[in-house]
């Protein structure tokens, strides 16, 4: 049993709790998730089953999509609704100021990871230090905001918006930074993850639904591994190369101009997906070598 289930994680459980749920439902241990989704956040959490756990790293790299709400006028220690209020402001901002500020956060931006995050500092997770009231310096990181669209503005105090962004983007930090840029404060008062790569919320499966059906029907809902890798180009090899390529032997290719040397490729042979490979150059010839064989 190998593949991926598009799971809708409810509020109140951790990503690890979700993995344990599927271990019980499917009676197997080799199950993993594709990047932590905070307990207070709902939404898409692809679950990798069997050999698909070996492609989880590629899903972690995938772009994410969220719908969020920022509440202006307050700043919390966790940058979200669950934190303690640190600062407040009675400043009123206009719709025009809000739109102009949102526009400033399109494209490549720098973010400083929040203290309440799983980023490590000298072997410790930041949130472990934060709980001990230890604050350390964090280096800004570059992230990309592909879209940042306002869905609804409620009296210039609460703004619901949609974000498509790169991995590593903290939406609560985005809310915090929007508030400060407006000359007031802001915290994330709601968040739902609506997409991870090709996995969309409208196709996700709830806990209640999964508990209603038997194991056989759950198995029928498991998506093939390469479903998670639609962002990668693919290469199709002749059948004669099946044995050497799956045994780790490099295979020479002729259509070298069709592929980027720096990118991973989905590799197909005998009409099926066999794993992830990369183009290499040796003695001025082009070869493909498997990074991961997944058959």
Protein backbone atom coordinates (compact mmCIF):
# COMPACT_ATOMS: atom_id res chain seq x y z
CA UNK A 1 0.00 0.00 0.00
CA UNK A 2 1.80 3.09 -1.29
CA UNK A 3 0.44 6.54 -2.04
CA UNK A 4 -1.00 9.73 -0.61
CA UNK A 5 -4.28 10.68 1.05
CA UNK A 6 -5.46 14.28 0.88
CA UNK A 7 -6.48 14.70 4.52
CA UNK A 8 -8.46 17.58 6.00
CA UNK A 9 -6.85 18.12 9.39
CA UNK A 10 -9.34 19.45 11.95
CA UNK A 11 -8.49 22.00 14.60
CA UNK A 12 -7.14 20.65 17.85
CA UNK A 13 -4.93 17.82 16.64
CA UNK A 14 -1.26 17.88 15.71
CA UNK A 15 0.22 16.62 12.46
CA UNK A 16 1.66 13.71 14.46
CA UNK A 17 -1.83 12.93 15.78
CA UNK A 18 -2.98 12.73 12.14
CA UNK A 19 -0.22 10.23 11.36
CA UNK A 20 -1.27 8.08 14.35
CA UNK A 21 -4.87 8.19 13.15
CA UNK A 22 -3.89 6.69 9.80
CA UNK A 23 -1.63 4.12 11.42
CA UNK A 24 -4.68 2.85 13.29
CA UNK A 25 -7.05 3.08 10.32
CA UNK A 26 -4.69 1.22 8.00
CA UNK A 27 -2.92 -0.94 10.59
CA UNK A 28 0.55 -0.03 9.34
CA UNK A 29 3.49 1.97 10.69
CA UNK A 30 5.12 3.43 7.58
CA UNK A 31 3.10 6.64 7.42
CA UNK A 32 4.22 10.26 7.55
CA UNK A 33 2.99 13.80 7.02
CA UNK A 34 4.25 16.52 4.70
CA UNK A 35 5.19 19.37 6.98
CA UNK A 36 3.76 20.46 10.31
CA UNK A 37 0.38 22.17 10.42
CA UNK A 38 -0.19 23.88 13.79
CA UNK A 39 -2.83 22.30 16.07
CA UNK A 40 -5.02 25.44 15.91
CA UNK A 41 -4.99 25.42 12.09
CA UNK A 42 -7.33 23.38 9.91
CA UNK A 43 -6.93 22.34 6.32
CA UNK A 44 -5.02 20.30 3.78
CA UNK A 45 -2.39 17.92 5.17
CA UNK A 46 -1.28 15.28 2.64
CA UNK A 47 -0.51 11.99 4.38
CA UNK A 48 2.15 9.75 2.81
CA UNK A 49 1.68 6.00 3.05
CA UNK A 50 4.27 3.27 2.53
CA UNK A 51 6.94 4.13 -0.02
CA UNK A 52 5.29 7.52 -0.53
CA UNK A 53 6.96 8.64 2.71
CA UNK A 54 10.08 8.95 0.55
CA UNK A 55 8.50 11.72 -1.56
CA UNK A 56 7.31 13.77 1.41
CA UNK A 57 10.31 16.08 1.05
CA UNK A 58 9.06 17.15 -2.39
CA UNK A 59 5.65 18.00 -0.98
CA UNK A 60 7.25 20.01 1.80
CA UNK A 61 8.87 22.07 -0.98
CA UNK A 62 5.51 22.69 -2.71
CA UNK A 63 3.76 26.07 -2.64
CA UNK A 64 0.96 26.48 -0.10
CA UNK A 65 -2.39 28.30 -0.23
CA UNK A 66 -4.23 29.77 2.77
CA UNK A 67 -7.28 31.80 3.69
CA UNK A 68 -6.59 33.90 6.75
CA UNK A 69 -7.94 36.74 8.85
CA UNK A 70 -5.84 39.51 10.37
CA UNK A 71 -7.29 41.52 13.26
CA UNK A 72 -5.80 44.99 13.61
CA UNK A 73 -5.12 46.97 16.76
CA UNK A 74 -3.47 44.25 18.85
CA UNK A 75 -0.19 42.32 18.88
CA UNK A 76 0.25 38.98 20.66
CA UNK A 77 3.33 37.08 21.74
CA UNK A 78 2.49 34.18 19.40
CA UNK A 79 1.29 36.48 16.59
CA UNK A 80 -2.03 34.61 16.57
CA UNK A 81 -5.32 34.49 18.48
CA UNK A 82 -4.01 32.05 21.08
CA UNK A 83 -1.29 34.36 22.40
CA UNK A 84 -1.18 36.94 25.16
CA UNK A 85 -1.72 40.54 24.12
CA UNK A 86 1.54 42.48 24.25
CA UNK A 87 0.55 45.80 22.70
CA UNK A 88 -2.53 47.60 21.47
CA UNK A 89 -3.30 50.70 19.43
CA UNK A 90 -6.42 52.78 18.86
CA UNK A 91 -5.18 54.10 15.55
CA UNK A 92 -7.78 53.85 12.79
CA UNK A 93 -6.64 53.02 9.29
CA UNK A 94 -8.46 53.48 5.98
CA UNK A 95 -9.34 50.96 3.30
CA UNK A 96 -6.89 52.73 0.98
CA UNK A 97 -4.06 52.30 3.49
CA UNK A 98 -4.90 48.63 3.90
CA UNK A 99 -4.88 47.99 0.14
CA UNK A 100 -1.61 49.87 -0.31
CA UNK A 101 -0.01 47.93 2.54
CA UNK A 102 -1.14 44.55 1.20
CA UNK A 103 0.40 45.46 -2.16
CA UNK A 104 3.76 45.96 -0.45
CA UNK A 105 3.86 42.30 0.53
CA UNK A 106 3.61 40.82 -2.97
CA UNK A 107 6.65 39.03 -4.37
CA UNK A 108 9.89 38.25 -2.55
CA UNK A 109 9.94 39.47 1.05
CA UNK A 110 12.02 38.86 4.17
CA UNK A 111 10.43 37.32 7.25
CA UNK A 112 11.88 36.82 10.70
CA UNK A 113 10.69 33.43 12.05
CA UNK A 114 8.50 33.91 15.15
CA UNK A 115 9.71 32.70 18.52
CA UNK A 116 6.72 30.40 18.70
CA UNK A 117 7.86 28.20 15.82
CA UNK A 118 9.64 24.87 15.27
CA UNK A 119 12.77 26.54 13.87
CA UNK A 120 15.83 25.27 15.75
CA UNK A 121 18.38 27.39 17.61
CA UNK A 122 21.42 25.54 18.97
CA UNK A 123 19.48 22.28 18.97
CA UNK A 124 16.38 23.70 20.66
CA UNK A 125 13.09 24.54 19.00
CA UNK A 126 12.28 28.22 19.29
CA UNK A 127 8.91 27.60 20.91
CA UNK A 128 10.65 25.62 23.68
CA UNK A 129 12.78 28.67 24.44
CA UNK A 130 9.80 31.04 24.15
CA UNK A 131 7.91 29.06 26.78
CA UNK A 132 10.81 29.73 29.13
CA UNK A 133 10.66 33.45 28.26
CA UNK A 134 13.97 33.18 26.42
CA UNK A 135 14.11 35.38 23.31
CA UNK A 136 16.94 34.88 20.81
CA UNK A 137 17.94 36.71 17.67
CA UNK A 138 16.56 35.16 14.47
CA UNK A 139 17.90 35.83 11.02
CA UNK A 140 15.37 37.00 8.40
CA UNK A 141 14.53 34.50 5.66
CA UNK A 142 13.46 35.14 2.10
CA UNK A 143 10.00 33.86 1.14
CA UNK A 144 7.78 34.52 -1.83
CA UNK A 145 4.16 35.71 -1.75
CA UNK A 146 2.66 34.79 -5.12
CA UNK A 147 -0.80 36.23 -4.42
CA UNK A 148 -2.21 38.28 -1.56
CA UNK A 149 -5.85 39.07 -2.28
CA UNK A 150 -8.27 40.76 0.10
CA UNK A 151 -11.55 38.82 0.23
CA UNK A 152 -13.41 40.94 2.78
CA UNK A 153 -12.64 44.03 4.82
CA UNK A 154 -14.76 44.35 7.97
CA UNK A 155 -14.73 47.98 9.11
CA UNK A 156 -10.97 48.25 8.50
CA UNK A 157 -10.45 46.13 11.64
CA UNK A 158 -10.64 42.55 10.38
CA UNK A 159 -9.41 41.61 6.90
CA UNK A 160 -9.97 38.19 5.38
CA UNK A 161 -7.47 37.41 2.63
CA UNK A 162 -6.15 34.63 0.41
CA UNK A 163 -2.43 33.88 0.14
CA UNK A 164 -0.45 31.68 -2.23
CA UNK A 165 3.12 31.45 -0.99
CA UNK A 166 6.36 29.52 -0.92
CA UNK A 167 7.29 26.97 1.72
CA UNK A 168 8.50 28.44 4.99
CA UNK A 169 6.09 31.39 4.94
CA UNK A 170 4.56 32.19 8.34
CA UNK A 171 1.10 33.64 7.82
CA UNK A 172 0.93 34.86 11.43
CA UNK A 173 4.18 36.74 10.90
CA UNK A 174 2.70 38.18 7.71
CA UNK A 175 -0.30 39.40 9.74
CA UNK A 176 2.02 40.86 12.38
CA UNK A 177 4.12 42.64 9.74
CA UNK A 178 1.04 44.01 7.95
CA UNK A 179 -0.17 45.51 11.24
CA UNK A 180 3.16 47.15 11.95
CA UNK A 181 3.48 48.49 8.42
CA UNK A 182 0.07 50.12 8.87
CA UNK A 183 1.40 51.89 11.95
CA UNK A 184 -0.73 49.84 14.29
CA UNK A 185 -0.64 46.16 15.29
CA UNK A 186 -2.12 42.95 13.95
CA UNK A 187 -2.46 39.26 14.76
CA UNK A 188 -3.71 36.21 12.88
CA UNK A 189 -7.23 35.54 14.13
CA UNK A 190 -8.04 32.68 11.73
CA UNK A 191 -6.22 30.38 9.30
CA UNK A 192 -7.15 27.49 7.05
CA UNK A 193 -4.80 25.84 4.58
CA UNK A 194 -6.65 25.37 1.31
CA UNK A 195 -3.92 23.88 -0.83
CA UNK A 196 -0.55 22.10 -0.88
CA UNK A 197 0.81 21.79 -4.38
CA UNK A 198 -1.77 19.82 -6.37
CA UNK A 199 -3.82 18.89 -3.30
CA UNK A 200 -6.93 21.06 -2.88
CA UNK A 201 -9.27 21.46 0.06
CA UNK A 202 -12.35 20.63 -2.00
CA UNK A 203 -10.97 17.12 -2.56
CA UNK A 204 -9.75 16.53 1.01
CA UNK A 205 -11.16 13.83 3.32
CA UNK A 206 -12.38 14.45 6.85
CA UNK A 207 -11.80 12.35 9.98
CA UNK A 208 -15.52 11.61 10.29
CA UNK A 209 -15.76 10.34 6.71
CA UNK A 210 -12.68 8.14 7.03
CA UNK A 211 -14.01 6.57 10.23
CA UNK A 212 -17.30 5.69 8.51
CA UNK A 213 -15.72 3.56 5.78
CA UNK A 214 -13.75 0.33 6.00
CA UNK A 215 -10.07 -0.16 5.26
CA UNK A 216 -10.68 -1.43 1.73
CA UNK A 217 -12.56 1.73 0.80
CA UNK A 218 -9.87 3.88 2.38
CA UNK A 219 -7.28 2.07 0.26
CA UNK A 220 -9.30 2.98 -2.84
CA UNK A 221 -8.95 6.66 -1.92
CA UNK A 222 -5.15 6.55 -1.84
CA UNK A 223 -3.67 8.59 -4.68
CA UNK A 224 -0.59 7.47 -6.63
CA UNK A 225 2.77 8.84 -5.51
CA UNK A 226 3.41 10.87 -8.64
CA UNK A 227 0.19 12.82 -7.98
CA UNK A 228 2.25 14.78 -5.46
CA UNK A 229 4.92 15.60 -8.01
CA UNK A 230 3.07 17.41 -10.78
CA UNK A 231 5.47 20.32 -10.35
CA UNK A 232 8.28 18.12 -11.70
CA UNK A 233 8.96 17.41 -15.36
CA UNK A 234 8.91 13.78 -16.41
CA UNK A 235 11.08 11.58 -18.56
CA UNK A 236 9.98 8.31 -20.20
CA UNK A 237 12.63 5.66 -20.73
CA UNK A 238 12.59 2.75 -23.15
CA UNK A 239 11.61 -0.60 -21.66
CA UNK A 240 15.13 -2.01 -22.18
CA UNK A 241 16.44 0.39 -19.53
CA UNK A 242 14.12 -0.80 -16.78
CA UNK A 243 16.51 -3.26 -15.10
CA UNK A 244 19.67 -1.12 -15.17
CA UNK A 245 17.96 2.12 -14.10
CA UNK A 246 16.18 0.45 -11.17
CA UNK A 247 19.47 -1.14 -10.10
CA UNK A 248 21.19 2.24 -9.87
CA UNK A 249 22.97 2.20 -13.24
CA UNK A 250 23.14 5.50 -15.14
CA UNK A 251 21.34 5.47 -18.49
CA UNK A 252 22.44 7.65 -21.39
CA UNK A 253 19.77 9.91 -22.88
CA UNK A 254 19.64 11.64 -26.23
CA UNK A 255 16.98 14.35 -25.73
CA UNK A 256 19.20 16.29 -23.32
CA UNK A 257 18.02 19.71 -24.46
CA UNK A 258 14.53 19.07 -23.09
CA UNK A 259 15.58 19.01 -19.44
CA UNK A 260 17.11 21.32 -16.85
CA UNK A 261 20.23 19.86 -15.26
CA UNK A 262 19.34 21.41 -11.90
CA UNK A 263 15.86 19.90 -11.57
CA UNK A 264 14.54 16.59 -10.30
CA UNK A 265 12.54 14.54 -12.79
CA UNK A 266 9.76 11.99 -12.50
CA UNK A 267 11.02 8.85 -14.23
CA UNK A 268 8.69 6.44 -16.03
CA UNK A 269 9.48 3.07 -17.61
CA UNK A 270 7.30 0.15 -18.70
CA UNK A 271 4.34 2.50 -18.49
CA UNK A 272 4.68 3.22 -14.78
CA UNK A 273 6.26 5.68 -12.39
CA UNK A 274 9.50 4.27 -10.99
CA UNK A 275 10.97 7.16 -9.03
CA UNK A 276 12.91 10.43 -8.99
CA UNK A 277 16.03 11.02 -11.10
CA UNK A 278 18.37 13.74 -12.24
CA UNK A 279 20.39 14.46 -15.39
CA UNK A 280 24.17 14.13 -15.05
CA UNK A 281 27.02 14.91 -17.47
CA UNK A 282 29.94 12.51 -17.81
CA UNK A 283 32.54 12.60 -20.58
CA UNK A 284 30.38 15.13 -22.42
CA UNK A 285 27.49 12.66 -22.51
CA UNK A 286 24.15 13.08 -20.74
CA UNK A 287 22.84 10.44 -18.37
CA UNK A 288 19.96 10.01 -16.01
CA UNK A 289 20.60 8.55 -12.58
CA UNK A 290 17.96 7.66 -10.03
CA UNK A 291 17.91 9.56 -6.75
CA UNK A 292 15.10 7.42 -5.41
CA UNK A 293 13.68 4.17 -6.80
CA UNK A 294 10.06 3.91 -5.65
CA UNK A 295 8.82 0.62 -7.09
